[in-house]
Amino acid sequence: MSEKIKKLYRSRSNRMLFGVCGGLGSFFKLDPNIFRIIFIFLAFMGGSGLFIYLVLVLLIPGEGGKRIEDDGLKEINEFKKRAEEKIQDVVRKIKKK
């Protein structure tokens, strides 16, 4: 009778941005790409997918049990840094042409 209670966490290993889809996939035992496709579809169909995703980033704790604000927004800063690096790579490639 001691059934283990499943908890929803943002994934640290299966993530593209913040691990929301990886966490949902693990919780529901589905491929996280299904959730990624749903969020992208909803984002293009009125923007609600982006809003829902951002709300889930703030509400779902990471695998360590901390919410995003508890981490001092460290993950957002890491995402910003990676995005800036990719933008700089694209700019360099464009300048070469």
PDB file of N, CA and C in Angstrom:
ATOM      1  N   MET A   1       0.795  -1.200   0.000  1.00  0.00           N
ATOM      2  CA  MET A   1       0.000   0.000   0.000  1.00  0.00           C
ATOM      3  C   MET A   1       0.837   1.265   0.000  1.00  0.00           C
ATOM      4  N   SER A   2       2.105   1.152   0.202  1.00  0.00           N
ATOM      5  CA  SER A   2       2.960   2.338   0.207  1.00  0.00           C
ATOM      6  C   SER A   2       3.296   2.724  -1.231  1.00  0.00           C
ATOM      7  N   GLU A   3       2.335   3.339  -1.876  1.00  0.00           N
ATOM      8  CA  GLU A   3       2.505   3.771  -3.259  1.00  0.00           C
ATOM      9  C   GLU A   3       3.319   5.058  -3.280  1.00  0.00           C
ATOM     10  N   LYS A   4       4.337   5.100  -4.118  1.00  0.00           N
ATOM     11  CA  LYS A   4       5.195   6.264  -4.204  1.00  0.00           C
ATOM     12  C   LYS A   4       4.462   7.397  -4.924  1.00  0.00           C
ATOM     13  N   ILE A   5       4.462   8.568  -4.329  1.00  0.00           N
ATOM     14  CA  ILE A   5       3.797   9.728  -4.913  1.00  0.00           C
ATOM     15  C   ILE A   5       4.721  10.353  -5.952  1.00  0.00           C
ATOM     16  N   LYS A   6       4.178  10.496  -7.167  1.00  0.00           N
ATOM     17  CA  LYS A   6       4.950  11.134  -8.236  1.00  0.00           C
ATOM     18  C   LYS A   6       4.903  12.638  -8.040  1.00  0.00           C
ATOM     19  N   LYS A   7       6.049  13.283  -8.267  1.00  0.00           N
ATOM     20  CA  LYS A   7       6.112  14.735  -8.187  1.00  0.00           C
ATOM     21  C   LYS A   7       6.598  15.284  -9.523  1.00  0.00           C
ATOM     22  N   LEU A   8       6.099  16.440  -9.850  1.00  0.00           N
ATOM     23  CA  LEU A   8       6.451  17.092 -11.102  1.00  0.00           C
ATOM     24  C   LEU A   8       7.615  18.048 -10.862  1.00  0.00           C
ATOM     25  N   TYR A   9       8.702  17.829 -11.593  1.00  0.00           N
ATOM     26  CA  TYR A   9       9.880  18.681 -11.513  1.00  0.00           C
ATOM     27  C   TYR A   9      10.308  19.071 -12.921  1.00  0.00           C
ATOM     28  N   ARG A  10      11.017  20.204 -13.022  1.00  0.00           N
ATOM     29  CA  ARG A  10      11.660  20.545 -14.285  1.00  0.00           C
ATOM     30  C   ARG A  10      12.905  19.682 -14.420  1.00  0.00           C
ATOM     31  N   SER A  11      13.093  19.081 -15.559  1.00  0.00           N
ATOM     32  CA  SER A  11      14.207  18.159 -15.778  1.00  0.00           C
ATOM     33  C   SER A  11      15.519  18.911 -15.947  1.00  0.00           C
ATOM     34  N   ARG A  12      16.568  18.371 -15.358  1.00  0.00           N
ATOM     35  CA  ARG A  12      17.902  18.955 -15.545  1.00  0.00           C
ATOM     36  C   ARG A  12      18.654  18.228 -16.662  1.00  0.00           C
ATOM     37  N   SER A  13      18.245  17.005 -16.962  1.00  0.00           N
ATOM     38  CA  SER A  13      18.962  16.216 -17.968  1.00  0.00           C
ATOM     39  C   SER A  13      18.292  16.251 -19.339  1.00  0.00           C
ATOM     40  N   ASN A  14      16.972  16.290 -19.386  1.00  0.00           N
ATOM     41  CA  ASN A  14      16.241  16.270 -20.648  1.00  0.00           C
ATOM     42  C   ASN A  14      15.594  17.638 -20.847  1.00  0.00           C
ATOM     43  N   ARG A  15      16.396  18.596 -21.321  1.00  0.00           N
ATOM     44  CA  ARG A  15      15.893  19.954 -21.430  1.00  0.00           C
ATOM     45  C   ARG A  15      16.407  20.637 -22.685  1.00  0.00           C
ATOM     46  N   MET A  16      15.592  21.544 -23.190  1.00  0.00           N
ATOM     47  CA  MET A  16      15.995  22.417 -24.287  1.00  0.00           C
ATOM     48  C   MET A  16      16.190  23.835 -23.738  1.00  0.00           C
ATOM     49  N   LEU A  17      15.249  24.295 -22.934  1.00  0.00           N
ATOM     50  CA  LEU A  17      15.346  25.614 -22.320  1.00  0.00           C
ATOM     51  C   LEU A  17      15.410  25.483 -20.795  1.00  0.00           C
ATOM     52  N   PHE A  18      14.260  25.249 -20.186  1.00  0.00           N
ATOM     53  CA  PHE A  18      14.187  25.216 -18.733  1.00  0.00           C
ATOM     54  C   PHE A  18      13.800  23.851 -18.174  1.00  0.00           C
ATOM     55  N   GLY A  19      13.570  22.863 -18.994  1.00  0.00           N
ATOM     56  CA  GLY A  19      13.277  21.519 -18.522  1.00  0.00           C
ATOM     57  C   GLY A  19      11.815  21.229 -18.235  1.00  0.00           C
ATOM     58  N   VAL A  20      10.928  22.156 -18.622  1.00  0.00           N
ATOM     59  CA  VAL A  20       9.496  21.963 -18.368  1.00  0.00           C
ATOM     60  C   VAL A  20       8.976  20.748 -19.134  1.00  0.00           C
ATOM     61  N   CYS A  21       9.256  20.676 -20.418  1.00  0.00           N
ATOM     62  CA  CYS A  21       8.752  19.575 -21.245  1.00  0.00           C
ATOM     63  C   CYS A  21       9.376  18.243 -20.833  1.00  0.00           C
ATOM     64  N   GLY A  22      10.655  18.264 -20.469  1.00  0.00           N
ATOM     65  CA  GLY A  22      11.301  17.047 -19.983  1.00  0.00           C
ATOM     66  C   GLY A  22      10.657  16.563 -18.693  1.00  0.00           C
ATOM     67  N   GLY A  23      10.333  17.499 -17.816  1.00  0.00           N
ATOM     68  CA  GLY A  23       9.665  17.146 -16.568  1.00  0.00           C
ATOM     69  C   GLY A  23       8.257  16.618 -16.794  1.00  0.00           C
ATOM     70  N   LEU A  24       7.517  17.268 -17.708  1.00  0.00           N
ATOM     71  CA  LEU A  24       6.163  16.789 -18.026  1.00  0.00           C
ATOM     72  C   LEU A  24       6.217  15.397 -18.658  1.00  0.00           C
ATOM     73  N   GLY A  25       7.197  15.193 -19.543  1.00  0.00           N
ATOM     74  CA  GLY A  25       7.346  13.884 -20.173  1.00  0.00           C
ATOM     75  C   GLY A  25       7.640  12.796 -19.158  1.00  0.00           C
ATOM     76  N   SER A  26       8.497  13.089 -18.216  1.00  0.00           N
ATOM     77  CA  SER A  26       8.841  12.127 -17.174  1.00  0.00           C
ATOM     78  C   SER A  26       7.638  11.851 -16.272  1.00  0.00           C
ATOM     79  N   PHE A  27       6.911  12.899 -15.917  1.00  0.00           N
ATOM     80  CA  PHE A  27       5.760  12.752 -15.030  1.00  0.00           C
ATOM     81  C   PHE A  27       4.653  11.916 -15.665  1.00  0.00           C
ATOM     82  N   PHE A  28       4.353  12.193 -16.943  1.00  0.00           N
ATOM     83  CA  PHE A  28       3.278  11.488 -17.632  1.00  0.00           C
ATOM     84  C   PHE A  28       3.762  10.259 -18.406  1.00  0.00           C
ATOM     85  N   LYS A  29       5.065   9.981 -18.336  1.00  0.00           N
ATOM     86  CA  LYS A  29       5.670   8.841 -19.031  1.00  0.00           C
ATOM     87  C   LYS A  29       5.390   8.899 -20.536  1.00  0.00           C
ATOM     88  N   LEU A  30       5.620  10.093 -21.100  1.00  0.00           N
ATOM     89  CA  LEU A  30       5.471  10.334 -22.535  1.00  0.00           C
ATOM     90  C   LEU A  30       6.743  10.979 -23.048  1.00  0.00           C
ATOM     91  N   ASP A  31       6.909  10.970 -24.348  1.00  0.00           N
ATOM     92  CA  ASP A  31       8.055  11.625 -24.971  1.00  0.00           C
ATOM     93  C   ASP A  31       7.929  13.137 -24.768  1.00  0.00           C
ATOM     94  N   PRO A  32       8.974  13.793 -24.237  1.00  0.00           N
ATOM     95  CA  PRO A  32       8.909  15.247 -24.025  1.00  0.00           C
ATOM     96  C   PRO A  32       8.688  16.040 -25.312  1.00  0.00           C
ATOM     97  N   ASN A  33       9.055  15.464 -26.453  1.00  0.00           N
ATOM     98  CA  ASN A  33       8.838  16.158 -27.724  1.00  0.00           C
ATOM     99  C   ASN A  33       7.359  16.399 -27.998  1.00  0.00           C
ATOM    100  N   ILE A  34       6.502  15.560 -27.464  1.00  0.00           N
ATOM    101  CA  ILE A  34       5.050  15.768 -27.619  1.00  0.00           C
ATOM    102  C   ILE A  34       4.662  17.096 -26.969  1.00  0.00           C
ATOM    103  N   PHE A  35       5.169  17.337 -25.770  1.00  0.00           N
ATOM    104  CA  PHE A  35       4.860  18.585 -25.076  1.00  0.00           C
ATOM    105  C   PHE A  35       5.509  19.781 -25.774  1.00  0.00           C
ATOM    106  N   ARG A  36       6.707  19.582 -26.302  1.00  0.00           N
ATOM    107  CA  ARG A  36       7.366  20.665 -27.035  1.00  0.00           C
ATOM    108  C   ARG A  36       6.539  21.076 -28.254  1.00  0.00           C
ATOM    109  N   ILE A  37       6.046  20.092 -28.978  1.00  0.00           N
ATOM    110  CA  ILE A  37       5.218  20.361 -30.160  1.00  0.00           C
ATOM    111  C   ILE A  37       3.931  21.082 -29.761  1.00  0.00           C
ATOM    112  N   ILE A  38       3.328  20.654 -28.662  1.00  0.00           N
ATOM    113  CA  ILE A  38       2.092  21.296 -28.193  1.00  0.00           C
ATOM    114  C   ILE A  38       2.350  22.756 -27.848  1.00  0.00           C
ATOM    115  N   PHE A  39       3.439  23.029 -27.105  1.00  0.00           N
ATOM    116  CA  PHE A  39       3.746  24.410 -26.733  1.00  0.00           C
ATOM    117  C   PHE A  39       4.043  25.267 -27.959  1.00  0.00           C
ATOM    118  N   ILE A  40       4.774  24.721 -28.917  1.00  0.00           N
ATOM    119  CA  ILE A  40       5.084  25.471 -30.136  1.00  0.00           C
ATOM    120  C   ILE A  40       3.809  25.745 -30.928  1.00  0.00           C
ATOM    121  N   PHE A  41       2.955  24.732 -31.050  1.00  0.00           N
ATOM    122  CA  PHE A  41       1.686  24.896 -31.764  1.00  0.00           C
ATOM    123  C   PHE A  41       0.844  25.993 -31.106  1.00  0.00           C
ATOM    124  N   LEU A  42       0.727  25.934 -29.771  1.00  0.00           N
ATOM    125  CA  LEU A  42      -0.058  26.938 -29.060  1.00  0.00           C
ATOM    126  C   LEU A  42       0.569  28.325 -29.154  1.00  0.00           C
ATOM    127  N   ALA A  43       1.893  28.387 -29.215  1.00  0.00           N
ATOM    128  CA  ALA A  43       2.569  29.683 -29.345  1.00  0.00           C
ATOM    129  C   ALA A  43       2.223  30.347 -30.674  1.00  0.00           C
ATOM    130  N   PHE A  44       2.128  29.541 -31.740  1.00  0.00           N
ATOM    131  CA  PHE A  44       1.790  30.101 -33.046  1.00  0.00           C
ATOM    132  C   PHE A  44       0.291  30.344 -33.205  1.00  0.00           C
ATOM    133  N   MET A  45      -0.510  29.729 -32.369  1.00  0.00           N
ATOM    134  CA  MET A  45      -1.955  29.892 -32.459  1.00  0.00           C
ATOM    135  C   MET A  45      -2.468  30.853 -31.386  1.00  0.00           C
ATOM    136  N   GLY A  46      -1.846  31.997 -31.291  1.00  0.00           N
ATOM    137  CA  GLY A  46      -2.330  33.017 -30.363  1.00  0.00           C
ATOM    138  C   GLY A  46      -1.361  33.353 -29.242  1.00  0.00           C
ATOM    139  N   GLY A  47      -0.296  32.629 -29.101  1.00  0.00           N
ATOM    140  CA  GLY A  47       0.703  32.952 -28.088  1.00  0.00           C
ATOM    141  C   GLY A  47       0.479  32.346 -26.727  1.00  0.00           C
ATOM    142  N   SER A  48      -0.589  31.587 -26.558  1.00  0.00           N
ATOM    143  CA  SER A  48      -0.856  31.035 -25.230  1.00  0.00           C
ATOM    144  C   SER A  48       0.184  29.986 -24.819  1.00  0.00           C
ATOM    145  N   GLY A  49       0.810  29.327 -25.776  1.00  0.00           N
ATOM    146  CA  GLY A  49       1.821  28.314 -25.451  1.00  0.00           C
ATOM    147  C   GLY A  49       3.015  28.922 -24.742  1.00  0.00           C
ATOM    148  N   LEU A  50       3.452  30.081 -25.186  1.00  0.00           N
ATOM    149  CA  LEU A  50       4.578  30.761 -24.560  1.00  0.00           C
ATOM    150  C   LEU A  50       4.204  31.211 -23.150  1.00  0.00           C
ATOM    151  N   PHE A  51       3.009  31.743 -22.995  1.00  0.00           N
ATOM    152  CA  PHE A  51       2.554  32.190 -21.684  1.00  0.00           C
ATOM    153  C   PHE A  51       2.472  31.017 -20.701  1.00  0.00           C
ATOM    154  N   ILE A  52       1.861  29.917 -21.140  1.00  0.00           N
ATOM    155  CA  ILE A  52       1.731  28.740 -20.279  1.00  0.00           C
ATOM    156  C   ILE A  52       3.102  28.197 -19.903  1.00  0.00           C
ATOM    157  N   TYR A  53       4.008  28.136 -20.884  1.00  0.00           N
ATOM    158  CA  TYR A  53       5.354  27.626 -20.626  1.00  0.00           C
ATOM    159  C   TYR A  53       6.057  28.476 -19.567  1.00  0.00           C
ATOM    160  N   LEU A  54       5.994  29.798 -19.708  1.00  0.00           N
ATOM    161  CA  LEU A  54       6.655  30.684 -18.751  1.00  0.00           C
ATOM    162  C   LEU A  54       6.043  30.570 -17.355  1.00  0.00           C
ATOM    163  N   VAL A  55       4.739  30.406 -17.275  1.00  0.00           N
ATOM    164  CA  VAL A  55       4.092  30.207 -15.976  1.00  0.00           C
ATOM    165  C   VAL A  55       4.582  28.901 -15.344  1.00  0.00           C
ATOM    166  N   LEU A  56       4.685  27.844 -16.157  1.00  0.00           N
ATOM    167  CA  LEU A  56       5.168  26.569 -15.637  1.00  0.00           C
ATOM    168  C   LEU A  56       6.627  26.656 -15.196  1.00  0.00           C
ATOM    169  N   VAL A  57       7.427  27.441 -15.882  1.00  0.00           N
ATOM    170  CA  VAL A  57       8.826  27.639 -15.468  1.00  0.00           C
ATOM    171  C   VAL A  57       8.869  28.205 -14.059  1.00  0.00           C
ATOM    172  N   LEU A  58       7.978  29.138 -13.774  1.00  0.00           N
ATOM    173  CA  LEU A  58       7.970  29.769 -12.460  1.00  0.00           C
ATOM    174  C   LEU A  58       7.342  28.896 -11.383  1.00  0.00           C
ATOM    175  N   LEU A  59       6.385  28.050 -11.756  1.00  0.00           N
ATOM    176  CA  LEU A  59       5.665  27.260 -10.757  1.00  0.00           C
ATOM    177  C   LEU A  59       6.279  25.897 -10.458  1.00  0.00           C
ATOM    178  N   ILE A  60       6.850  25.249 -11.459  1.00  0.00           N
ATOM    179  CA  ILE A  60       7.370  23.890 -11.268  1.00  0.00           C
ATOM    180  C   ILE A  60       8.796  23.976 -10.732  1.00  0.00           C
ATOM    181  N   PRO A  61       9.053  23.349  -9.596  1.00  0.00           N
ATOM    182  CA  PRO A  61      10.421  23.382  -9.066  1.00  0.00           C
ATOM    183  C   PRO A  61      11.362  22.526  -9.900  1.00  0.00           C
ATOM    184  N   GLY A  62      12.645  22.851  -9.842  1.00  0.00           N
ATOM    185  CA  GLY A  62      13.656  22.042 -10.514  1.00  0.00           C
ATOM    186  C   GLY A  62      13.842  20.721  -9.790  1.00  0.00           C
ATOM    187  N   GLU A  63      14.623  19.820 -10.366  1.00  0.00           N
ATOM    188  CA  GLU A  63      14.823  18.510  -9.749  1.00  0.00           C
ATOM    189  C   GLU A  63      15.409  18.615  -8.352  1.00  0.00           C
ATOM    190  N   GLY A  64      16.118  19.690  -8.073  1.00  0.00           N
ATOM    191  CA  GLY A  64      16.653  19.892  -6.730  1.00  0.00           C
ATOM    192  C   GLY A  64      15.596  20.355  -5.749  1.00  0.00           C
ATOM    193  N   GLY A  65      14.373  20.590  -6.238  1.00  0.00           N
ATOM    194  CA  GLY A  65      13.279  21.008  -5.377  1.00  0.00           C
ATOM    195  C   GLY A  65      13.127  22.519  -5.253  1.00  0.00           C
ATOM    196  N   LYS A  66      13.935  23.278  -5.980  1.00  0.00           N
ATOM    197  CA  LYS A  66      13.862  24.733  -5.880  1.00  0.00           C
ATOM    198  C   LYS A  66      13.088  25.300  -7.063  1.00  0.00           C
ATOM    199  N   ARG A  67      12.305  26.316  -6.784  1.00  0.00           N
ATOM    200  CA  ARG A  67      11.632  27.029  -7.864  1.00  0.00           C
ATOM    201  C   ARG A  67      12.624  27.963  -8.515  1.00  0.00           C
ATOM    202  N   ILE A  68      12.276  28.473  -9.681  1.00  0.00           N
ATOM    203  CA  ILE A  68      13.212  29.297 -10.454  1.00  0.00           C
ATOM    204  C   ILE A  68      13.639  30.538  -9.674  1.00  0.00           C
ATOM    205  N   GLU A  69      12.728  31.147  -8.919  1.00  0.00           N
ATOM    206  CA  GLU A  69      13.115  32.338  -8.176  1.00  0.00           C
ATOM    207  C   GLU A  69      14.052  31.998  -7.027  1.00  0.00           C
ATOM    208  N   ASP A  70      13.995  30.758  -6.528  1.00  0.00           N
ATOM    209  CA  ASP A  70      14.895  30.334  -5.472  1.00  0.00           C
ATOM    210  C   ASP A  70      16.327  30.192  -5.980  1.00  0.00           C
ATOM    211  N   ASP A  71      16.486  29.920  -7.241  1.00  0.00           N
ATOM    212  CA  ASP A  71      17.816  29.777  -7.827  1.00  0.00           C
ATOM    213  C   ASP A  71      18.417  31.129  -8.197  1.00  0.00           C
ATOM    214  N   GLY A  72      17.764  32.204  -7.875  1.00  0.00           N
ATOM    215  CA  GLY A  72      18.284  33.522  -8.208  1.00  0.00           C
ATOM    216  C   GLY A  72      18.280  33.788  -9.701  1.00  0.00           C
ATOM    217  N   LEU A  73      17.349  33.159 -10.392  1.00  0.00           N
ATOM    218  CA  LEU A  73      17.212  33.308 -11.839  1.00  0.00           C
ATOM    219  C   LEU A  73      18.476  32.880 -12.585  1.00  0.00           C
ATOM    220  N   LYS A  74      19.233  31.987 -11.976  1.00  0.00           N
ATOM    221  CA  LYS A  74      20.473  31.491 -12.583  1.00  0.00           C
ATOM    222  C   LYS A  74      20.210  30.864 -13.947  1.00  0.00           C
ATOM    223  N   GLU A  75      19.144  30.077 -14.052  1.00  0.00           N
ATOM    224  CA  GLU A  75      18.849  29.400 -15.309  1.00  0.00           C
ATOM    225  C   GLU A  75      18.511  30.393 -16.415  1.00  0.00           C
ATOM    226  N   ILE A  76      17.811  31.452 -16.078  1.00  0.00           N
ATOM    227  CA  ILE A  76      17.461  32.457 -17.084  1.00  0.00           C
ATOM    228  C   ILE A  76      18.729  33.138 -17.588  1.00  0.00           C
ATOM    229  N   ASN A  77      19.646  33.429 -16.686  1.00  0.00           N
ATOM    230  CA  ASN A  77      20.907  34.056 -17.092  1.00  0.00           C
ATOM    231  C   ASN A  77      21.733  33.125 -17.975  1.00  0.00           C
ATOM    232  N   GLU A  78      21.725  31.821 -17.663  1.00  0.00           N
ATOM    233  CA  GLU A  78      22.439  30.855 -18.512  1.00  0.00           C
ATOM    234  C   GLU A  78      21.811  30.803 -19.896  1.00  0.00           C
ATOM    235  N   PHE A  79      20.481  30.818 -19.962  1.00  0.00           N
ATOM    236  CA  PHE A  79      19.785  30.819 -21.241  1.00  0.00           C
ATOM    237  C   PHE A  79      20.123  32.079 -22.031  1.00  0.00           C
ATOM    238  N   LYS A  80      20.139  33.214 -21.351  1.00  0.00           N
ATOM    239  CA  LYS A  80      20.471  34.484 -22.008  1.00  0.00           C
ATOM    240  C   LYS A  80      21.887  34.427 -22.588  1.00  0.00           C
ATOM    241  N   LYS A  81      22.823  33.896 -21.816  1.00  0.00           N
ATOM    242  CA  LYS A  81      24.207  33.799 -22.283  1.00  0.00           C
ATOM    243  C   LYS A  81      24.312  32.914 -23.520  1.00  0.00           C
ATOM    244  N   ARG A  82      23.639  31.733 -23.493  1.00  0.00           N
ATOM    245  CA  ARG A  82      23.666  30.833 -24.659  1.00  0.00           C
ATOM    246  C   ARG A  82      23.031  31.495 -25.871  1.00  0.00           C
ATOM    247  N   ALA A  83      21.927  32.220 -25.663  1.00  0.00           N
ATOM    248  CA  ALA A  83      21.251  32.900 -26.772  1.00  0.00           C
ATOM    249  C   ALA A  83      22.140  33.984 -27.370  1.00  0.00           C
ATOM    250  N   GLU A  84      22.807  34.745 -26.521  1.00  0.00           N
ATOM    251  CA  GLU A  84      23.709  35.787 -27.021  1.00  0.00           C
ATOM    252  C   GLU A  84      24.855  35.192 -27.829  1.00  0.00           C
ATOM    253  N   GLU A  85      25.398  34.065 -27.361  1.00  0.00           N
ATOM    254  CA  GLU A  85      26.484  33.401 -28.092  1.00  0.00           C
ATOM    255  C   GLU A  85      26.007  32.931 -29.461  1.00  0.00           C
ATOM    256  N   LYS A  86      24.808  32.367 -29.526  1.00  0.00           N
ATOM    257  CA  LYS A  86      24.287  31.901 -30.811  1.00  0.00           C
ATOM    258  C   LYS A  86      24.022  33.065 -31.754  1.00  0.00           C
ATOM    259  N   ILE A  87      23.528  34.170 -31.217  1.00  0.00           N
ATOM    260  CA  ILE A  87      23.291  35.349 -32.048  1.00  0.00           C
ATOM    261  C   ILE A  87      24.608  35.871 -32.601  1.00  0.00           C
ATOM    262  N   GLN A  88      25.637  35.907 -31.769  1.00  0.00           N
ATOM    263  CA  GLN A  88      26.953  36.356 -32.230  1.00  0.00           C
ATOM    264  C   GLN A  88      27.500  35.428 -33.311  1.00  0.00           C
ATOM    265  N   ASP A  89      27.277  34.115 -33.180  1.00  0.00           N
ATOM    266  CA  ASP A  89      27.708  33.173 -34.213  1.00  0.00           C
ATOM    267  C   ASP A  89      27.012  33.455 -35.539  1.00  0.00           C
ATOM    268  N   VAL A  90      25.723  33.719 -35.485  1.00  0.00           N
ATOM    269  CA  VAL A  90      24.962  34.012 -36.704  1.00  0.00           C
ATOM    270  C   VAL A  90      25.467  35.304 -37.331  1.00  0.00           C
ATOM    271  N   VAL A  91      25.727  36.324 -36.514  1.00  0.00           N
ATOM    272  CA  VAL A  91      26.229  37.594 -37.032  1.00  0.00           C
ATOM    273  C   VAL A  91      27.582  37.392 -37.710  1.00  0.00           C
ATOM    274  N   ARG A  92      28.454  36.600 -37.098  1.00  0.00           N
ATOM    275  CA  ARG A  92      29.766  36.330 -37.704  1.00  0.00           C
ATOM    276  C   ARG A  92      29.622  35.620 -39.051  1.00  0.00           C
ATOM    277  N   LYS A  93      28.713  34.665 -39.120  1.00  0.00           N
ATOM    278  CA  LYS A  93      28.492  33.939 -40.374  1.00  0.00           C
ATOM    279  C   LYS A  93      27.948  34.861 -41.455  1.00  0.00           C
ATOM    280  N   ILE A  94      27.071  35.760 -41.073  1.00  0.00           N
ATOM    281  CA  ILE A  94      26.513  36.703 -42.047  1.00  0.00           C
ATOM    282  C   ILE A  94      27.586  37.652 -42.540  1.00  0.00           C
ATOM    283  N   LYS A  95      28.454  38.108 -41.652  1.00  0.00           N
ATOM    284  CA  LYS A  95      29.520  39.032 -42.040  1.00  0.00           C
ATOM    285  C   LYS A  95      30.529  38.368 -42.971  1.00  0.00           C
ATOM    286  N   LYS A  96      30.742  37.054 -42.830  1.00  0.00           N
ATOM    287  CA  LYS A  96      31.666  36.334 -43.706  1.00  0.00           C
ATOM    288  C   LYS A  96      31.169  36.288 -45.128  1.00  0.00           C
ATOM    289  N   LYS A  97      29.855  36.274 -45.299  1.00  0.00           N
ATOM    290  CA  LYS A  97      29.267  36.187 -46.642  1.00  0.00           C
ATOM    291  C   LYS A  97      29.274  37.528 -47.232  1.00  0.00           C
TER     292      LYS A  97
END
